[in-house]
Amino acid sequence: MFKRSDYFIICAVMFSFFISAYLWFVIKDQQQAIFTAIWIPSIFTFGIYFKLCALMGQRK
């Protein structure tokens, strides 16, 4: 069900989340943490887009 690219997207999201949490709780830099947290939906969006492109390409 999951492909290697799906795991890459999930790992990128987890990495962004952990960096954001580190910036928020350890470094205490809220602006950088929020900026990094904004990457999470963007990474998911690109992942969904590329997944749909791959699925549409298989049907043709």
N, C-alpha and C. Protein backbone atom coordinates (compact mmCIF):
# COMPACT_ATOMS: atom_id res chain seq x y z
N MET A 1 0.82 -1.19 0.00
CA MET A 1 0.00 0.00 0.00
C MET A 1 0.87 1.26 0.00
N PHE A 2 1.85 1.30 0.89
CA PHE A 2 2.74 2.46 0.93
C PHE A 2 3.95 2.19 0.05
N LYS A 3 4.36 3.22 -0.67
CA LYS A 3 5.56 3.13 -1.49
C LYS A 3 6.70 3.87 -0.78
N ARG A 4 7.87 3.74 -1.34
CA ARG A 4 9.03 4.40 -0.76
C ARG A 4 8.84 5.91 -0.72
N SER A 5 8.22 6.46 -1.73
CA SER A 5 7.99 7.91 -1.77
C SER A 5 7.04 8.35 -0.65
N ASP A 6 6.07 7.50 -0.32
CA ASP A 6 5.16 7.83 0.78
C ASP A 6 5.91 7.91 2.11
N TYR A 7 6.82 6.98 2.32
CA TYR A 7 7.62 7.02 3.54
C TYR A 7 8.53 8.24 3.58
N PHE A 8 9.02 8.64 2.42
CA PHE A 8 9.86 9.84 2.37
C PHE A 8 9.06 11.07 2.78
N ILE A 9 7.83 11.19 2.29
CA ILE A 9 6.98 12.33 2.65
C ILE A 9 6.67 12.31 4.15
N ILE A 10 6.34 11.15 4.68
CA ILE A 10 6.03 11.04 6.11
C ILE A 10 7.26 11.39 6.95
N CYS A 11 8.43 10.93 6.54
CA CYS A 11 9.66 11.26 7.27
C CYS A 11 9.95 12.76 7.21
N ALA A 12 9.71 13.38 6.06
CA ALA A 12 9.93 14.83 5.94
C ALA A 12 8.98 15.60 6.86
N VAL A 13 7.74 15.15 6.95
CA VAL A 13 6.77 15.79 7.84
C VAL A 13 7.18 15.61 9.30
N MET A 14 7.59 14.40 9.65
CA MET A 14 8.01 14.15 11.04
C MET A 14 9.25 14.98 11.38
N PHE A 15 10.19 15.08 10.45
CA PHE A 15 11.38 15.88 10.68
C PHE A 15 11.01 17.35 10.90
N SER A 16 10.13 17.87 10.09
CA SER A 16 9.69 19.25 10.25
C SER A 16 8.99 19.46 11.59
N PHE A 17 8.17 18.49 11.98
CA PHE A 17 7.47 18.60 13.27
C PHE A 17 8.46 18.61 14.44
N PHE A 18 9.44 17.71 14.40
CA PHE A 18 10.39 17.63 15.50
C PHE A 18 11.29 18.87 15.55
N ILE A 19 11.67 19.39 14.41
CA ILE A 19 12.46 20.63 14.39
C ILE A 19 11.63 21.78 14.96
N SER A 20 10.35 21.83 14.59
CA SER A 20 9.47 22.88 15.10
C SER A 20 9.30 22.78 16.62
N ALA A 21 9.09 21.56 17.11
CA ALA A 21 8.95 21.36 18.55
C ALA A 21 10.25 21.71 19.28
N TYR A 22 11.37 21.35 18.70
CA TYR A 22 12.67 21.69 19.29
C TYR A 22 12.85 23.21 19.38
N LEU A 23 12.50 23.89 18.30
CA LEU A 23 12.63 25.34 18.31
C LEU A 23 11.69 25.98 19.33
N TRP A 24 10.49 25.43 19.48
CA TRP A 24 9.51 26.02 20.39
C TRP A 24 9.86 25.77 21.85
N PHE A 25 10.19 24.52 22.18
CA PHE A 25 10.36 24.15 23.59
C PHE A 25 11.80 24.29 24.09
N VAL A 26 12.78 24.03 23.26
CA VAL A 26 14.17 24.05 23.73
C VAL A 26 14.81 25.40 23.47
N ILE A 27 14.73 25.88 22.24
CA ILE A 27 15.37 27.14 21.87
C ILE A 27 14.53 28.34 22.31
N LYS A 28 13.23 28.13 22.46
CA LYS A 28 12.29 29.19 22.85
C LYS A 28 12.17 30.29 21.79
N ASP A 29 12.26 29.87 20.53
CA ASP A 29 12.12 30.81 19.42
C ASP A 29 10.78 30.50 18.72
N GLN A 30 9.74 31.16 19.21
CA GLN A 30 8.39 30.85 18.74
C GLN A 30 8.18 31.20 17.26
N GLN A 31 8.76 32.28 16.79
CA GLN A 31 8.55 32.66 15.39
C GLN A 31 9.16 31.64 14.44
N GLN A 32 10.36 31.20 14.72
CA GLN A 32 10.98 30.18 13.88
C GLN A 32 10.22 28.86 13.96
N ALA A 33 9.70 28.53 15.15
CA ALA A 33 8.95 27.29 15.32
C ALA A 33 7.66 27.31 14.51
N ILE A 34 6.97 28.44 14.53
CA ILE A 34 5.73 28.55 13.76
C ILE A 34 6.04 28.51 12.27
N PHE A 35 7.10 29.17 11.85
CA PHE A 35 7.48 29.14 10.44
C PHE A 35 7.78 27.72 9.98
N THR A 36 8.50 26.98 10.81
CA THR A 36 8.83 25.59 10.47
C THR A 36 7.58 24.71 10.49
N ALA A 37 6.66 24.97 11.40
CA ALA A 37 5.43 24.18 11.47
C ALA A 37 4.55 24.41 10.25
N ILE A 38 4.66 25.56 9.62
CA ILE A 38 3.88 25.83 8.41
C ILE A 38 4.31 24.92 7.27
N TRP A 39 5.52 24.39 7.31
CA TRP A 39 5.99 23.48 6.27
C TRP A 39 5.19 22.19 6.23
N ILE A 40 4.65 21.76 7.36
CA ILE A 40 4.00 20.45 7.44
C ILE A 40 2.84 20.32 6.45
N PRO A 41 1.86 21.22 6.43
CA PRO A 41 0.80 21.06 5.43
C PRO A 41 1.31 21.23 4.00
N SER A 42 2.34 22.04 3.82
CA SER A 42 2.90 22.20 2.48
C SER A 42 3.54 20.91 1.98
N ILE A 43 4.26 20.23 2.84
CA ILE A 43 4.88 18.95 2.45
C ILE A 43 3.80 17.92 2.14
N PHE A 44 2.76 17.86 2.97
CA PHE A 44 1.65 16.94 2.69
C PHE A 44 0.98 17.27 1.36
N THR A 45 0.80 18.54 1.09
CA THR A 45 0.15 18.96 -0.16
C THR A 45 0.97 18.53 -1.37
N PHE A 46 2.28 18.76 -1.32
CA PHE A 46 3.12 18.32 -2.43
C PHE A 46 3.10 16.80 -2.57
N GLY A 47 3.09 16.10 -1.44
CA GLY A 47 3.03 14.64 -1.48
C GLY A 47 1.75 14.14 -2.14
N ILE A 48 0.64 14.75 -1.79
CA ILE A 48 -0.64 14.36 -2.39
C ILE A 48 -0.66 14.69 -3.87
N TYR A 49 -0.12 15.84 -4.23
CA TYR A 49 -0.08 16.23 -5.64
C TYR A 49 0.73 15.23 -6.47
N PHE A 50 1.92 14.90 -6.00
CA PHE A 50 2.75 13.96 -6.74
C PHE A 50 2.16 12.56 -6.78
N LYS A 51 1.49 12.17 -5.70
CA LYS A 51 0.82 10.86 -5.68
C LYS A 51 -0.31 10.83 -6.71
N LEU A 52 -1.09 11.91 -6.78
CA LEU A 52 -2.17 11.96 -7.77
C LEU A 52 -1.63 11.99 -9.20
N CYS A 53 -0.53 12.70 -9.40
CA CYS A 53 0.08 12.71 -10.74
C CYS A 53 0.53 11.32 -11.13
N ALA A 54 1.10 10.57 -10.19
CA ALA A 54 1.55 9.21 -10.48
C ALA A 54 0.37 8.30 -10.76
N LEU A 55 -0.72 8.45 -10.01
CA LEU A 55 -1.90 7.63 -10.24
C LEU A 55 -2.55 7.95 -11.57
N MET A 56 -2.61 9.21 -11.93
CA MET A 56 -3.20 9.59 -13.21
C MET A 56 -2.34 9.12 -14.37
N GLY A 57 -1.05 9.09 -14.19
CA GLY A 57 -0.15 8.62 -15.23
C GLY A 57 -0.27 7.12 -15.47
N GLN A 58 -0.64 6.36 -14.45
CA GLN A 58 -0.79 4.92 -14.58
C GLN A 58 -2.04 4.55 -15.35
N ARG A 59 -3.04 5.39 -15.31
CA ARG A 59 -4.32 5.08 -15.96
C ARG A 59 -4.28 5.26 -17.48
N LYS A 60 -3.36 6.09 -17.95
CA LYS A 60 -3.30 6.38 -19.39
C LYS A 60 -2.51 5.35 -20.14
